[in-house]
Amino acid sequence: MKAKIISTVLAGMFFVGTVGSAFAVNPRIYKKTEKSDVDNTVATEVYRGEDDANLVPLAKYVVKYSDEGKAVEKTIYKWNVKEGWTAQLKYVYHYDLSGKMDALEYAEWDVDKKQWKDNPYLTMYLYTGEGDLLTINE
């Protein structure tokens, strides 16, 4: 009798688990990209959701390009339910005369002051005489 009850309970749990997993929704990642020729930017918004109608915003990436097509700035935003897109990080790319990146600035958003922090991090890229990347100094 005990064995019959246990096997019935286990069979029921297996059935519920199987049916439940058949109808489980796996959230997917969606992205929307918009290009602006006016200010040379490409903005990509990333969403998570079950379908196109029920999307939750996650992050937004805005990359600004020079007239030559090189990335000069990248700003990363995070979605905040109360405030909308809030700034998180900003990268500023610097290039030498030959077009190679020679410095990268990295700044964080100061939530209290509502501006970029005054002390950005700086990474320098050093090249050999032949133009090969020699070292990266932080």
Protein backbone atom coordinates (compact mmCIF):
# COMPACT_ATOMS: atom_id res chain seq x y z
CA MET A 1 0.00 0.00 0.00
CA LYS A 2 2.81 2.36 0.95
CA ALA A 3 4.63 1.59 -2.29
CA LYS A 4 1.48 2.32 -4.31
CA ILE A 5 1.01 5.73 -2.60
CA ILE A 6 4.66 6.68 -3.08
CA SER A 7 4.66 5.63 -6.73
CA THR A 8 1.40 7.54 -7.32
CA VAL A 9 2.86 10.68 -5.71
CA LEU A 10 6.07 10.36 -7.74
CA ALA A 11 4.12 9.82 -10.96
CA GLY A 12 2.02 12.89 -10.17
CA MET A 13 5.12 14.99 -9.50
CA PHE A 14 6.68 13.78 -12.76
CA PHE A 15 3.52 14.63 -14.71
CA VAL A 16 3.22 18.12 -13.19
CA GLY A 17 6.93 18.75 -13.81
CA THR A 18 6.69 17.60 -17.42
CA VAL A 19 3.55 19.60 -18.18
CA GLY A 20 4.92 22.64 -16.36
CA SER A 21 8.19 22.58 -18.30
CA ALA A 22 6.31 22.22 -21.57
CA PHE A 23 4.54 25.54 -20.91
CA ALA A 24 7.48 27.32 -19.26
CA VAL A 25 8.46 30.53 -20.95
CA ASN A 26 12.12 31.15 -21.64
CA PRO A 27 12.88 34.87 -21.69
CA ARG A 28 14.77 36.00 -24.75
CA ILE A 29 17.06 38.93 -25.39
CA TYR A 30 15.93 41.47 -27.96
CA LYS A 31 17.79 44.48 -29.28
CA LYS A 32 16.81 47.55 -31.22
CA THR A 33 19.44 49.59 -33.06
CA GLU A 34 18.94 53.11 -34.39
CA LYS A 35 21.46 55.06 -36.44
CA SER A 36 21.51 58.86 -36.53
CA ASP A 37 23.40 60.49 -39.39
CA VAL A 38 22.79 63.91 -37.84
CA ASP A 39 25.04 63.36 -34.81
CA ASN A 40 26.94 60.26 -36.06
CA THR A 41 25.62 57.92 -33.38
CA VAL A 42 24.38 54.37 -33.19
CA ALA A 43 22.11 53.59 -30.23
CA THR A 44 21.37 49.99 -29.28
CA GLU A 45 18.71 49.17 -26.69
CA VAL A 46 18.68 45.69 -25.12
CA TYR A 47 15.48 44.12 -23.76
CA ARG A 48 14.52 40.82 -22.14
CA GLY A 49 11.10 39.30 -22.59
CA GLU A 50 8.88 36.41 -23.48
CA ASP A 51 7.62 37.94 -26.71
CA ASP A 52 7.63 41.25 -28.57
CA ALA A 53 4.78 42.63 -26.47
CA ASN A 54 6.19 42.07 -22.96
CA LEU A 55 9.72 43.47 -23.03
CA VAL A 56 11.71 44.71 -20.04
CA PRO A 57 14.47 47.25 -20.82
CA LEU A 58 17.94 46.24 -19.62
CA ALA A 59 20.66 48.42 -21.13
CA LYS A 60 21.33 51.02 -23.79
CA TYR A 61 24.61 51.60 -25.62
CA VAL A 62 25.22 54.82 -27.55
CA VAL A 63 28.34 55.00 -29.70
CA LYS A 64 29.37 58.30 -31.28
CA TYR A 65 31.57 58.15 -34.40
CA SER A 66 33.96 60.62 -36.00
CA ASP A 67 33.49 61.70 -39.60
CA GLU A 68 36.13 59.08 -40.48
CA GLY A 69 33.98 56.33 -38.93
CA LYS A 70 36.04 55.72 -35.78
CA ALA A 71 34.31 55.35 -32.42
CA VAL A 72 35.08 58.45 -30.32
CA GLU A 73 32.71 57.91 -27.40
CA LYS A 74 30.58 55.11 -25.97
CA THR A 75 28.03 55.68 -23.23
CA ILE A 76 26.30 52.85 -21.39
CA TYR A 77 22.92 53.31 -19.72
CA LYS A 78 20.95 51.06 -17.40
CA TRP A 79 17.16 51.05 -17.16
CA ASN A 80 15.70 52.44 -13.94
CA VAL A 81 11.95 52.04 -13.45
CA LYS A 82 11.62 55.44 -11.73
CA GLU A 83 14.04 57.48 -13.84
CA GLY A 84 14.22 55.71 -17.19
CA TRP A 85 17.63 55.36 -18.86
CA THR A 86 20.33 56.34 -16.34
CA ALA A 87 23.97 56.80 -17.27
CA GLN A 88 26.47 54.24 -15.93
CA LEU A 89 29.75 54.36 -17.86
CA LYS A 90 31.39 56.47 -20.53
CA TYR A 91 34.39 55.60 -22.70
CA VAL A 92 36.23 58.28 -24.71
CA TYR A 93 38.60 57.02 -27.41
CA HIS A 94 41.68 59.02 -28.49
CA TYR A 95 43.62 58.32 -31.69
CA ASP A 96 47.08 59.30 -32.90
CA LEU A 97 47.73 60.92 -36.28
CA SER A 98 48.01 57.52 -37.99
CA GLY A 99 44.53 56.54 -36.75
CA LYS A 100 45.57 54.07 -34.03
CA MET A 101 44.01 54.32 -30.62
CA ASP A 102 46.54 55.80 -28.22
CA ALA A 103 44.37 56.45 -25.15
CA LEU A 104 41.08 55.37 -23.66
CA GLU A 105 39.30 57.31 -20.92
CA TYR A 106 36.78 55.53 -18.69
CA ALA A 107 34.42 57.47 -16.44
CA GLU A 108 31.65 56.39 -14.08
CA TRP A 109 28.42 58.25 -13.43
CA ASP A 110 28.19 59.99 -10.05
CA VAL A 111 24.64 59.27 -8.91
CA ASP A 112 24.69 61.92 -6.17
CA LYS A 113 26.05 64.76 -8.32
CA LYS A 114 24.19 63.65 -11.48
CA GLN A 115 27.35 64.05 -13.59
CA TRP A 116 30.40 62.11 -14.73
CA LYS A 117 33.00 61.64 -11.99
CA ASP A 118 35.86 64.12 -12.09
CA ASN A 119 38.63 61.53 -12.10
CA PRO A 120 38.30 59.31 -15.17
CA TYR A 121 40.56 56.31 -15.57
CA LEU A 122 43.05 56.53 -18.42
CA THR A 123 44.63 53.73 -20.41
CA MET A 124 47.54 54.47 -22.77
CA TYR A 125 48.35 52.36 -25.82
CA LEU A 126 52.04 52.33 -26.86
CA TYR A 127 53.22 51.10 -30.26
CA THR A 128 56.57 50.00 -31.69
CA GLY A 129 58.24 51.91 -34.53
CA GLU A 130 56.64 49.43 -36.95
CA GLY A 131 53.18 50.25 -35.62
CA ASP A 132 52.60 47.03 -33.63
CA LEU A 133 50.95 47.32 -30.23
CA LEU A 134 53.73 47.17 -27.66
CA THR A 135 52.01 47.67 -24.32
CA ILE A 136 48.94 48.98 -22.57
CA ASN A 137 49.54 51.15 -19.49
CA GLU A 138 46.77 51.82 -17.01
